[in-house]
PDB file of N, CA and C in Angstrom:
ATOM      1  N   UNK A   1       0.821  -1.089  -0.223  1.00  0.00           N
ATOM      2  CA  UNK A   1      -0.637  -0.207  -0.106  1.00  0.00           C
ATOM      3  C   UNK A   1       0.779   1.238   0.243  1.00  0.00           C
ATOM      4  N   UNK A   2       1.886   1.028   0.514  1.00  0.00           N
ATOM      5  CA  UNK A   2       2.509   2.208   0.721  1.00  0.00           C
ATOM      6  C   UNK A   2       3.332   2.594  -0.831  1.00  0.00           C
ATOM      7  N   UNK A   3       3.367   1.521  -1.361  1.00  0.00           N
ATOM      8  CA  UNK A   3       5.173   1.890  -2.363  1.00  0.00           C
ATOM      9  C   UNK A   3       3.488   2.075  -2.786  1.00  0.00           C
ATOM     10  N   UNK A   4       2.671   2.265  -3.614  1.00  0.00           N
ATOM     11  CA  UNK A   4       1.784   2.364  -4.393  1.00  0.00           C
ATOM     12  C   UNK A   4       1.186   4.052  -4.142  1.00  0.00           C
ATOM     13  N   UNK A   5       0.758   4.471  -2.936  1.00  0.00           N
ATOM     14  CA  UNK A   5       1.128   5.763  -2.871  1.00  0.00           C
ATOM     15  C   UNK A   5       1.955   6.535  -2.551  1.00  0.00           C
ATOM     16  N   UNK A   6       3.356   5.412  -2.346  1.00  0.00           N
ATOM     17  CA  UNK A   6       4.906   6.583  -3.613  1.00  0.00           C
ATOM     18  C   UNK A   6       4.427   6.308  -4.922  1.00  0.00           C
ATOM     19  N   UNK A   7       4.431   5.632  -5.945  1.00  0.00           N
ATOM     20  CA  UNK A   7       4.295   5.234  -6.783  1.00  0.00           C
ATOM     21  C   UNK A   7       2.974   6.941  -7.412  1.00  0.00           C
ATOM     22  N   UNK A   8       1.775   6.528  -7.035  1.00  0.00           N
ATOM     23  CA  UNK A   8       1.094   7.742  -7.450  1.00  0.00           C
ATOM     24  C   UNK A   8       1.605   9.252  -6.955  1.00  0.00           C
ATOM     25  N   UNK A   9       2.463   9.555  -5.972  1.00  0.00           N
ATOM     26  CA  UNK A   9       3.257  10.716  -5.865  1.00  0.00           C
ATOM     27  C   UNK A   9       4.111  11.445  -6.646  1.00  0.00           C
ATOM     28  N   UNK A  10       4.708  10.188  -6.913  1.00  0.00           N
ATOM     29  CA  UNK A  10       6.249  10.807  -8.063  1.00  0.00           C
ATOM     30  C   UNK A  10       5.278  11.089  -9.343  1.00  0.00           C
ATOM     31  N   UNK A  11       4.443   9.613  -9.174  1.00  0.00           N
ATOM     32  CA  UNK A  11       3.608  10.432 -10.526  1.00  0.00           C
ATOM     33  C   UNK A  11       3.294  11.751 -11.062  1.00  0.00           C
ATOM     34  N   UNK A  12       2.178  12.119 -10.082  1.00  0.00           N
ATOM     35  CA  UNK A  12       1.547  13.586  -9.608  1.00  0.00           C
ATOM     36  C   UNK A  12       2.926  14.772  -9.533  1.00  0.00           C
ATOM     37  N   UNK A  13       3.822  14.340  -8.841  1.00  0.00           N
ATOM     38  CA  UNK A  13       4.673  15.251  -9.056  1.00  0.00           C
ATOM     39  C   UNK A  13       6.318  15.626 -10.739  1.00  0.00           C
ATOM     40  N   UNK A  14       5.743  14.742 -11.221  1.00  0.00           N
ATOM     41  CA  UNK A  14       6.548  14.134 -12.499  1.00  0.00           C
ATOM     42  C   UNK A  14       5.688  14.733 -13.360  1.00  0.00           C
ATOM     43  N   UNK A  15       4.830  15.233 -13.325  1.00  0.00           N
ATOM     44  CA  UNK A  15       4.259  16.281 -14.275  1.00  0.00           C
ATOM     45  C   UNK A  15       3.957  17.465 -14.105  1.00  0.00           C
ATOM     46  N   UNK A  16       4.595  17.804 -12.831  1.00  0.00           N
ATOM     47  CA  UNK A  16       4.336  18.833 -12.838  1.00  0.00           C
ATOM     48  C   UNK A  16       6.518  19.716 -13.473  1.00  0.00           C
ATOM     49  N   UNK A  17       6.131  20.914 -13.865  1.00  0.00           N
ATOM     50  CA  UNK A  17       7.541  21.427 -14.713  1.00  0.00           C
ATOM     51  C   UNK A  17       8.034  21.672 -13.567  1.00  0.00           C
ATOM     52  N   UNK A  18       8.350  22.951 -12.826  1.00  0.00           N
ATOM     53  CA  UNK A  18       8.689  22.995 -11.899  1.00  0.00           C
ATOM     54  C   UNK A  18       8.464  22.614  -9.920  1.00  0.00           C
ATOM     55  N   UNK A  19       8.405  22.650  -9.134  1.00  0.00           N
ATOM     56  CA  UNK A  19       7.734  22.410  -8.463  1.00  0.00           C
ATOM     57  C   UNK A  19       7.559  23.770  -7.029  1.00  0.00           C
ATOM     58  N   UNK A  20       8.200  25.004  -7.555  1.00  0.00           N
ATOM     59  CA  UNK A  20       7.828  25.749  -7.137  1.00  0.00           C
ATOM     60  C   UNK A  20       6.426  26.842  -7.882  1.00  0.00           C
ATOM     61  N   UNK A  21       6.421  25.721  -9.137  1.00  0.00           N
ATOM     62  CA  UNK A  21       5.200  26.715  -9.457  1.00  0.00           C
ATOM     63  C   UNK A  21       4.113  25.607  -9.059  1.00  0.00           C
ATOM     64  N   UNK A  22       4.088  25.098  -8.606  1.00  0.00           N
ATOM     65  CA  UNK A  22       2.984  24.344  -7.808  1.00  0.00           C
ATOM     66  C   UNK A  22       2.201  25.326  -6.832  1.00  0.00           C
ATOM     67  N   UNK A  23       0.711  24.871  -7.420  1.00  0.00           N
ATOM     68  CA  UNK A  23      -0.220  26.306  -6.734  1.00  0.00           C
ATOM     69  C   UNK A  23      -0.295  27.922  -7.255  1.00  0.00           C
ATOM     70  N   UNK A  24       0.434  27.986  -8.153  1.00  0.00           N
ATOM     71  CA  UNK A  24       0.423  29.459  -8.462  1.00  0.00           C
ATOM     72  C   UNK A  24      -0.286  29.782  -9.356  1.00  0.00           C
ATOM     73  N   UNK A  25      -0.742  30.675 -10.138  1.00  0.00           N
ATOM     74  CA  UNK A  25      -1.752  31.226 -10.940  1.00  0.00           C
ATOM     75  C   UNK A  25      -0.747  30.720 -11.876  1.00  0.00           C
ATOM     76  N   UNK A  26      -1.021  30.513 -13.265  1.00  0.00           N
ATOM     77  CA  UNK A  26      -0.051  30.910 -13.961  1.00  0.00           C
ATOM     78  C   UNK A  26      -0.471  32.231 -14.755  1.00  0.00           C
ATOM     79  N   UNK A  27       1.140  32.084 -15.740  1.00  0.00           N
ATOM     80  CA  UNK A  27       1.053  33.411 -16.698  1.00  0.00           C
ATOM     81  C   UNK A  27       1.119  34.081 -17.459  1.00  0.00           C
ATOM     82  N   UNK A  28      -0.188  34.610 -17.855  1.00  0.00           N
ATOM     83  CA  UNK A  28      -0.968  35.105 -18.453  1.00  0.00           C
ATOM     84  C   UNK A  28      -0.080  35.782 -19.939  1.00  0.00           C
ATOM     85  N   UNK A  29      -0.471  35.930 -21.048  1.00  0.00           N
ATOM     86  CA  UNK A  29       0.373  36.189 -22.396  1.00  0.00           C
ATOM     87  C   UNK A  29      -0.314  38.411 -22.420  1.00  0.00           C
ATOM     88  N   UNK A  30      -0.692  39.156 -22.204  1.00  0.00           N
ATOM     89  CA  UNK A  30      -1.131  40.168 -22.140  1.00  0.00           C
ATOM     90  C   UNK A  30      -2.780  40.291 -23.774  1.00  0.00           C
ATOM     91  N   UNK A  31      -3.773  40.199 -23.458  1.00  0.00           N
ATOM     92  CA  UNK A  31      -4.684  39.635 -24.361  1.00  0.00           C
ATOM     93  C   UNK A  31      -4.957  40.563 -25.497  1.00  0.00           C
ATOM     94  N   UNK A  32      -3.687  41.559 -25.780  1.00  0.00           N
ATOM     95  CA  UNK A  32      -4.097  42.909 -27.033  1.00  0.00           C
ATOM     96  C   UNK A  32      -3.115  42.030 -27.973  1.00  0.00           C
ATOM     97  N   UNK A  33      -2.580  41.601 -27.571  1.00  0.00           N
ATOM     98  CA  UNK A  33      -0.940  40.607 -29.019  1.00  0.00           C
ATOM     99  C   UNK A  33      -2.005  39.648 -28.770  1.00  0.00           C
ATOM    100  N   UNK A  34      -2.644  38.757 -29.079  1.00  0.00           N
ATOM    101  CA  UNK A  34      -2.559  37.939 -29.028  1.00  0.00           C
ATOM    102  C   UNK A  34      -4.040  37.654 -31.119  1.00  0.00           C
ATOM    103  N   UNK A  35      -3.352  36.533 -31.164  1.00  0.00           N
ATOM    104  CA  UNK A  35      -4.196  36.462 -32.792  1.00  0.00           C
ATOM    105  C   UNK A  35      -5.489  36.576 -33.055  1.00  0.00           C
ATOM    106  N   UNK A  36      -5.819  36.728 -32.042  1.00  0.00           N
ATOM    107  CA  UNK A  36      -7.303  36.732 -31.775  1.00  0.00           C
ATOM    108  C   UNK A  36      -7.830  38.215 -31.744  1.00  0.00           C
ATOM    109  N   UNK A  37      -7.218  38.107 -30.857  1.00  0.00           N
ATOM    110  CA  UNK A  37      -7.857  40.071 -30.910  1.00  0.00           C
ATOM    111  C   UNK A  37      -7.328  40.856 -32.103  1.00  0.00           C
ATOM    112  N   UNK A  38      -6.618  40.497 -33.119  1.00  0.00           N
ATOM    113  CA  UNK A  38      -6.236  41.448 -34.126  1.00  0.00           C
ATOM    114  C   UNK A  38      -7.225  40.677 -35.171  1.00  0.00           C
ATOM    115  N   UNK A  39      -7.984  39.880 -35.170  1.00  0.00           N
ATOM    116  CA  UNK A  39      -8.878  39.255 -35.879  1.00  0.00           C
ATOM    117  C   UNK A  39      -9.695  40.186 -35.756  1.00  0.00           C
ATOM    118  N   UNK A  40     -10.475  40.337 -34.064  1.00  0.00           N
ATOM    119  CA  UNK A  40     -11.801  40.377 -34.067  1.00  0.00           C
ATOM    120  C   UNK A  40     -11.856  42.609 -34.081  1.00  0.00           C
ATOM    121  N   UNK A  41     -10.198  42.740 -33.941  1.00  0.00           N
ATOM    122  CA  UNK A  41      -9.818  43.822 -33.971  1.00  0.00           C
ATOM    123  C   UNK A  41     -10.099  44.832 -35.423  1.00  0.00           C
ATOM    124  N   UNK A  42      -9.471  44.361 -36.321  1.00  0.00           N
ATOM    125  CA  UNK A  42      -9.458  44.607 -37.803  1.00  0.00           C
ATOM    126  C   UNK A  42     -11.152  44.590 -38.250  1.00  0.00           C
ATOM    127  N   UNK A  43     -10.597  45.023 -39.452  1.00  0.00           N
ATOM    128  CA  UNK A  43     -11.482  45.386 -40.062  1.00  0.00           C
ATOM    129  C   UNK A  43     -12.840  44.057 -40.918  1.00  0.00           C
ATOM    130  N   UNK A  44     -13.936  44.348 -41.191  1.00  0.00           N
ATOM    131  CA  UNK A  44     -14.542  43.153 -41.570  1.00  0.00           C
ATOM    132  C   UNK A  44     -13.997  42.808 -42.794  1.00  0.00           C
ATOM    133  N   UNK A  45     -14.813  41.640 -43.036  1.00  0.00           N
ATOM    134  CA  UNK A  45     -15.152  41.374 -44.815  1.00  0.00           C
ATOM    135  C   UNK A  45     -16.527  42.292 -45.922  1.00  0.00           C
ATOM    136  N   UNK A  46     -16.166  42.777 -46.299  1.00  0.00           N
ATOM    137  CA  UNK A  46     -16.909  43.746 -46.871  1.00  0.00           C
ATOM    138  C   UNK A  46     -18.041  42.609 -47.948  1.00  0.00           C
ATOM    139  N   UNK A  47     -19.104  43.095 -47.232  1.00  0.00           N
ATOM    140  CA  UNK A  47     -20.323  42.513 -47.900  1.00  0.00           C
ATOM    141  C   UNK A  47     -21.137  43.322 -48.779  1.00  0.00           C
ATOM    142  N   UNK A  48     -20.791  41.971 -50.195  1.00  0.00           N
ATOM    143  CA  UNK A  48     -20.686  42.393 -51.771  1.00  0.00           C
ATOM    144  C   UNK A  48     -21.960  41.910 -51.648  1.00  0.00           C
ATOM    145  N   UNK A  49     -22.611  42.116 -53.161  1.00  0.00           N
ATOM    146  CA  UNK A  49     -23.792  41.136 -53.326  1.00  0.00           C
ATOM    147  C   UNK A  49     -23.177  39.798 -54.187  1.00  0.00           C
ATOM    148  N   UNK A  50     -23.665  39.094 -53.265  1.00  0.00           N
ATOM    149  CA  UNK A  50     -23.238  37.453 -53.809  1.00  0.00           C
ATOM    150  C   UNK A  50     -23.530  37.567 -56.008  1.00  0.00           C
ATOM    151  N   UNK A  51     -22.919  36.001 -55.593  1.00  0.00           N
ATOM    152  CA  UNK A  51     -22.889  36.145 -57.459  1.00  0.00           C
ATOM    153  C   UNK A  51     -24.199  35.884 -58.313  1.00  0.00           C
ATOM    154  N   UNK A  52     -24.657  36.104 -59.502  1.00  0.00           N
ATOM    155  CA  UNK A  52     -26.178  36.427 -60.093  1.00  0.00           C
ATOM    156  C   UNK A  52     -26.901  34.759 -60.244  1.00  0.00           C
ATOM    157  N   UNK A  53     -25.225  33.688 -60.340  1.00  0.00           N
ATOM    158  CA  UNK A  53     -25.624  32.718 -59.997  1.00  0.00           C
ATOM    159  C   UNK A  53     -25.434  31.918 -59.018  1.00  0.00           C
ATOM    160  N   UNK A  54     -25.996  32.645 -58.138  1.00  0.00           N
ATOM    161  CA  UNK A  54     -26.225  31.470 -56.720  1.00  0.00           C
ATOM    162  C   UNK A  54     -27.296  30.589 -56.709  1.00  0.00           C
ATOM    163  N   UNK A  55     -26.936  29.276 -56.364  1.00  0.00           N
ATOM    164  CA  UNK A  55     -27.743  28.474 -55.681  1.00  0.00           C
ATOM    165  C   UNK A  55     -28.659  29.426 -54.733  1.00  0.00           C
ATOM    166  N   UNK A  56     -28.680  29.965 -53.483  1.00  0.00           N
ATOM    167  CA  UNK A  56     -29.569  30.486 -52.541  1.00  0.00           C
ATOM    168  C   UNK A  56     -30.040  31.285 -53.018  1.00  0.00           C
ATOM    169  N   UNK A  57     -29.984  31.800 -53.762  1.00  0.00           N
ATOM    170  CA  UNK A  57     -30.545  33.392 -54.087  1.00  0.00           C
ATOM    171  C   UNK A  57     -32.327  32.863 -54.595  1.00  0.00           C
ATOM    172  N   UNK A  58     -33.336  33.677 -54.745  1.00  0.00           N
ATOM    173  CA  UNK A  58     -35.120  33.695 -55.260  1.00  0.00           C
ATOM    174  C   UNK A  58     -35.019  33.790 -56.312  1.00  0.00           C
ATOM    175  N   UNK A  59     -33.949  34.119 -57.198  1.00  0.00           N
ATOM    176  CA  UNK A  59     -34.610  34.070 -58.192  1.00  0.00           C
ATOM    177  C   UNK A  59     -34.340  32.791 -59.586  1.00  0.00           C
ATOM    178  N   UNK A  60     -35.352  32.613 -60.919  1.00  0.00           N
ATOM    179  CA  UNK A  60     -35.682  31.509 -60.757  1.00  0.00           C
ATOM    180  C   UNK A  60     -33.940  31.330 -61.540  1.00  0.00           C
ATOM    181  N   UNK A  61     -33.417  31.757 -61.214  1.00  0.00           N
ATOM    182  CA  UNK A  61     -31.755  30.182 -61.972  1.00  0.00           C
ATOM    183  C   UNK A  61     -31.711  29.970 -61.389  1.00  0.00           C
ATOM    184  N   UNK A  62     -31.659  30.558 -59.826  1.00  0.00           N
ATOM    185  CA  UNK A  62     -30.656  29.557 -58.787  1.00  0.00           C
ATOM    186  C   UNK A  62     -31.391  28.674 -58.464  1.00  0.00           C
ATOM    187  N   UNK A  63     -31.041  27.578 -57.316  1.00  0.00           N
ATOM    188  CA  UNK A  63     -31.565  26.290 -56.642  1.00  0.00           C
ATOM    189  C   UNK A  63     -32.782  26.061 -56.601  1.00  0.00           C
ATOM    190  N   UNK A  64     -33.762  27.135 -56.091  1.00  0.00           N
ATOM    191  CA  UNK A  64     -34.319  27.527 -54.701  1.00  0.00           C
ATOM    192  C   UNK A  64     -35.471  28.354 -56.025  1.00  0.00           C
ATOM    193  N   UNK A  65     -34.749  28.964 -56.596  1.00  0.00           N
ATOM    194  CA  UNK A  65     -36.316  29.082 -57.655  1.00  0.00           C
ATOM    195  C   UNK A  65     -36.357  28.282 -59.300  1.00  0.00           C
ATOM    196  N   UNK A  66     -35.571  27.333 -59.258  1.00  0.00           N
ATOM    197  CA  UNK A  66     -35.753  26.994 -60.097  1.00  0.00           C
ATOM    198  C   UNK A  66     -36.400  26.104 -59.783  1.00  0.00           C
ATOM    199  N   UNK A  67     -38.039  26.010 -60.877  1.00  0.00           N
ATOM    200  CA  UNK A  67     -39.129  24.604 -60.627  1.00  0.00           C
ATOM    201  C   UNK A  67     -38.499  23.436 -60.959  1.00  0.00           C
ATOM    202  N   UNK A  68     -37.398  23.497 -61.417  1.00  0.00           N
ATOM    203  CA  UNK A  68     -37.750  21.380 -61.941  1.00  0.00           C
ATOM    204  C   UNK A  68     -36.899  21.613 -60.773  1.00  0.00           C
ATOM    205  N   UNK A  69     -36.062  21.552 -59.688  1.00  0.00           N
ATOM    206  CA  UNK A  69     -36.107  20.925 -59.187  1.00  0.00           C
ATOM    207  C   UNK A  69     -36.159  20.932 -57.816  1.00  0.00           C
TER     208      UNK A  69
END
């Protein structure tokens, strides 16, 4: 029983980087330097008109407007 507890303790502590870091909050980088922040703060894609032959428009030539479909 004692050897099992020792093995479990060694496995648990072996997965830690340093024993000084155990119990500390992780160090996070600034949010302003992340790729996600830059993507959300950048200009959005232009919302242009779809192609005339679009499958999802209500026009006669589209998939939804074609009565044969």
